[in-house]
Amino acid sequence: MSTATKTDVREKLLETAARLFYSQGYKDTGINQIIDEASVCKASFYNHFKTKEDLLIAYLERSHDQSMAALRQRLSQVSSPREQLRELFRCQAEKLEKSGFRGCPFMNTLAEVPGAEDKVRQVIGWHMSGQRQILEEIVSRVSRERGLGAQSSRLADDLEVVMTGGLMAARAQGNVAMLRHAQSMAERMLGLDES
């Protein structure tokens, strides 16, 4: 089997798993369903992934890479911290609406598989750290511009809680109104609502 064919099979498995894990959940998705819907043989599955959990980890890593690259690309198109913060919230709102308010694949996995293997938890933590880093970068820019200094870390904590709460409320209500409210709160917290 050529390297290109192996890559294609792996990609088909990941694409299929991503769709199924996200739409129907990890626990309700069996290896046989993934194999059938990806139109690959069972041996091909096991050539790429030893277990279903290995496939889950690959799916989460891929989701992280894709979402962070897309977010970073969008944030690079705006320059002010206020616009970056707004773009961050816009991205979150778009993802929620596009998914029918299904939510974040990482939080869904954590809720569905609370006793997940350490590696799964590490990937989820890695994603959360990536998002936190973006918040810290925005807060750091605002802190430098406004001389907030020591408040920076606490503001990043507050902002993370506000954003997470807004996301959860938006998901529960099936609309982005509370996420928009969380954005307004975040702007006020950082003193960006007046600029």
Protein backbone atom coordinates (compact mmCIF):
# COMPACT_ATOMS: atom_id res chain seq x y z
CA MET A 1 0.00 0.00 0.00
CA SER A 2 1.44 3.38 -0.98
CA THR A 3 1.99 6.20 1.51
CA ALA A 4 -0.69 8.27 -0.25
CA THR A 5 -3.20 5.43 0.07
CA LYS A 6 -2.37 4.99 3.78
CA THR A 7 -2.84 8.73 4.30
CA ASP A 8 -6.16 8.63 2.44
CA VAL A 9 -7.43 5.72 4.57
CA ARG A 10 -6.36 7.44 7.79
CA GLU A 11 -8.00 10.67 6.64
CA LYS A 12 -11.25 8.85 5.76
CA LEU A 13 -11.31 7.26 9.19
CA LEU A 14 -10.65 10.58 10.91
CA GLU A 15 -13.27 12.42 8.84
CA THR A 16 -15.86 9.75 9.54
CA ALA A 17 -15.02 9.57 13.25
CA ALA A 18 -15.12 13.37 13.54
CA ARG A 19 -18.60 13.49 12.04
CA LEU A 20 -19.94 10.59 14.09
CA PHE A 21 -18.27 11.39 17.41
CA TYR A 22 -19.54 14.96 17.18
CA SER A 23 -23.07 14.23 15.95
CA GLN A 24 -23.96 11.13 17.96
CA GLY A 25 -21.30 11.00 20.67
CA TYR A 26 -18.24 8.89 21.36
CA LYS A 27 -20.02 6.20 23.36
CA ASP A 28 -22.79 5.76 20.78
CA THR A 29 -20.35 5.37 17.91
CA GLY A 30 -18.89 1.93 17.36
CA ILE A 31 -15.75 0.97 15.47
CA ASN A 32 -17.80 -1.10 13.02
CA GLN A 33 -19.97 1.90 12.14
CA ILE A 34 -16.87 4.02 11.52
CA ILE A 35 -15.33 1.29 9.36
CA ASP A 36 -18.57 0.83 7.37
CA GLU A 37 -19.19 4.53 6.82
CA ALA A 38 -15.55 5.20 5.92
CA SER A 39 -15.72 2.28 3.45
CA VAL A 40 -12.48 0.71 4.68
CA CYS A 41 -11.69 -2.78 5.90
CA LYS A 42 -11.25 -3.64 9.57
CA ALA A 43 -7.55 -4.38 9.05
CA SER A 44 -7.07 -0.86 7.67
CA PHE A 45 -8.62 0.58 10.81
CA TYR A 46 -6.25 -1.36 13.04
CA ASN A 47 -3.25 -0.43 10.86
CA HIS A 48 -3.88 3.19 11.84
CA PHE A 49 -5.46 3.00 15.30
CA LYS A 50 -4.96 0.31 17.93
CA THR A 51 -8.17 1.23 19.77
CA LYS A 52 -11.23 3.41 19.50
CA GLU A 53 -9.69 5.66 22.15
CA ASP A 54 -6.61 6.15 19.94
CA LEU A 55 -8.98 7.33 17.22
CA LEU A 56 -10.67 9.66 19.72
CA ILE A 57 -7.29 11.16 20.64
CA ALA A 58 -6.41 11.67 16.95
CA TYR A 59 -9.83 13.28 16.39
CA LEU A 60 -9.35 15.67 19.33
CA GLU A 61 -5.80 16.56 18.26
CA ARG A 62 -7.03 17.24 14.74
CA SER A 63 -9.96 19.32 16.05
CA HIS A 64 -7.55 21.34 18.16
CA ASP A 65 -5.17 21.99 15.26
CA GLN A 66 -7.97 23.00 12.91
CA SER A 67 -9.84 25.24 15.33
CA MET A 68 -6.73 26.99 16.65
CA ALA A 69 -5.35 27.59 13.15
CA ALA A 70 -8.68 29.03 11.99
CA LEU A 71 -8.98 31.22 15.10
CA ARG A 72 -5.39 32.48 14.86
CA GLN A 73 -5.89 33.26 11.18
CA ARG A 74 -9.03 35.29 11.92
CA LEU A 75 -7.43 37.12 14.83
CA SER A 76 -4.46 38.08 12.66
CA GLN A 77 -6.82 40.03 10.40
CA VAL A 78 -7.74 42.53 13.13
CA SER A 79 -5.28 44.65 15.01
CA SER A 80 -6.82 46.21 18.10
CA PRO A 81 -7.38 44.19 21.29
CA ARG A 82 -11.04 45.21 21.22
CA GLU A 83 -11.52 43.83 17.72
CA GLN A 84 -9.57 40.69 18.60
CA LEU A 85 -11.83 40.11 21.60
CA ARG A 86 -14.90 40.66 19.43
CA GLU A 87 -13.54 38.31 16.77
CA LEU A 88 -12.91 35.66 19.42
CA PHE A 89 -16.54 35.86 20.56
CA ARG A 90 -17.77 35.99 16.94
CA CYS A 91 -15.88 32.77 16.17
CA GLN A 92 -17.43 31.06 19.18
CA ALA A 93 -20.92 32.23 18.21
CA GLU A 94 -20.49 31.05 14.62
CA LYS A 95 -19.29 27.62 15.75
CA LEU A 96 -22.28 27.25 18.08
CA GLU A 97 -24.78 28.28 15.43
CA LYS A 98 -23.17 26.14 12.73
CA SER A 99 -23.26 23.07 14.99
CA GLY A 100 -26.89 23.57 15.96
CA PHE A 101 -25.67 24.39 19.48
CA ARG A 102 -24.12 20.94 19.89
CA GLY A 103 -21.18 22.60 21.64
CA CYS A 104 -17.45 22.12 21.91
CA PRO A 105 -16.10 18.67 20.95
CA PHE A 106 -13.66 18.82 23.86
CA MET A 107 -16.26 19.61 26.51
CA ASN A 108 -18.65 17.09 24.95
CA THR A 109 -15.97 14.41 25.23
CA LEU A 110 -15.15 15.35 28.81
CA ALA A 111 -18.84 15.20 29.76
CA GLU A 112 -19.40 11.92 27.97
CA VAL A 113 -16.22 10.17 29.09
CA PRO A 114 -15.50 11.62 32.56
CA GLY A 115 -13.15 8.76 33.46
CA ALA A 116 -11.18 9.18 30.25
CA GLU A 117 -7.63 7.95 29.97
CA ASP A 118 -4.92 10.46 30.90
CA LYS A 119 -3.99 10.99 27.24
CA VAL A 120 -7.54 12.11 26.40
CA ARG A 121 -7.51 14.52 29.34
CA GLN A 122 -4.09 15.82 28.24
CA VAL A 123 -5.40 16.65 24.77
CA ILE A 124 -8.44 18.40 26.25
CA GLY A 125 -6.14 20.32 28.61
CA TRP A 126 -3.87 21.22 25.69
CA HIS A 127 -6.84 22.69 23.81
CA MET A 128 -8.02 24.64 26.86
CA SER A 129 -4.48 25.98 27.34
CA GLY A 130 -4.41 27.13 23.72
CA GLN A 131 -7.62 29.06 24.17
CA ARG A 132 -6.41 30.47 27.46
CA GLN A 133 -3.21 31.65 25.78
CA ILE A 134 -5.25 33.67 23.28
CA LEU A 135 -7.19 35.30 26.11
CA GLU A 136 -3.94 36.08 27.92
CA GLU A 137 -2.49 37.67 24.78
CA ILE A 138 -5.49 39.96 24.43
CA VAL A 139 -5.47 40.85 28.13
CA SER A 140 -1.72 41.44 28.02
CA ARG A 141 -2.09 43.91 25.16
CA VAL A 142 -4.85 45.76 26.99
CA SER A 143 -2.79 45.73 30.21
CA ARG A 144 0.23 47.23 28.47
CA GLU A 145 -1.86 49.91 26.77
CA ARG A 146 -3.79 50.80 29.93
CA GLY A 147 -1.11 50.15 32.55
CA LEU A 148 -3.08 47.48 34.39
CA GLY A 149 0.05 45.53 35.39
CA ALA A 150 -0.59 43.00 38.15
CA GLN A 151 -4.29 42.73 37.35
CA SER A 152 -3.51 40.99 34.05
CA SER A 153 -3.59 37.38 35.30
CA ARG A 154 -6.74 37.91 37.33
CA LEU A 155 -8.43 39.59 34.36
CA ALA A 156 -7.58 36.60 32.16
CA ASP A 157 -9.14 34.31 34.81
CA ASP A 158 -12.26 36.47 34.93
CA LEU A 159 -12.49 36.63 31.17
CA GLU A 160 -12.19 32.85 30.86
CA VAL A 161 -15.03 32.35 33.34
CA VAL A 162 -17.24 34.92 31.58
CA MET A 163 -16.62 33.38 28.15
CA THR A 164 -17.20 29.82 29.38
CA GLY A 165 -20.40 30.87 31.13
CA GLY A 166 -21.60 32.68 28.02
CA LEU A 167 -20.90 29.64 25.88
CA MET A 168 -22.73 27.30 28.25
CA ALA A 169 -25.74 29.61 28.55
CA ALA A 170 -25.90 30.08 24.78
CA ARG A 171 -25.77 26.35 24.26
CA ALA A 172 -28.47 25.69 26.86
CA GLN A 173 -30.78 28.36 25.43
CA GLY A 174 -30.11 27.52 21.80
CA ASN A 175 -29.22 31.09 20.84
CA VAL A 176 -26.19 33.34 21.13
CA ALA A 177 -27.81 36.14 23.15
CA MET A 178 -26.01 35.21 26.38
CA LEU A 179 -22.71 34.83 24.54
CA ARG A 180 -23.16 38.36 23.20
CA HIS A 181 -23.92 39.49 26.75
CA ALA A 182 -20.71 37.78 27.90
CA GLN A 183 -18.82 39.67 25.20
CA SER A 184 -20.22 42.97 26.49
CA MET A 185 -19.18 42.02 30.02
CA ALA A 186 -15.69 41.12 28.82
CA GLU A 187 -15.35 44.45 27.03
CA ARG A 188 -16.44 46.31 30.18
CA MET A 189 -14.05 44.28 32.34
CA LEU A 190 -11.17 45.26 30.10
CA GLY A 191 -12.32 48.85 29.70
CA LEU A 192 -12.82 48.34 25.96
CA ASP A 193 -16.48 49.31 25.83
CA GLU A 194 -15.69 53.02 25.73
CA SER A 195 -13.18 53.03 22.85
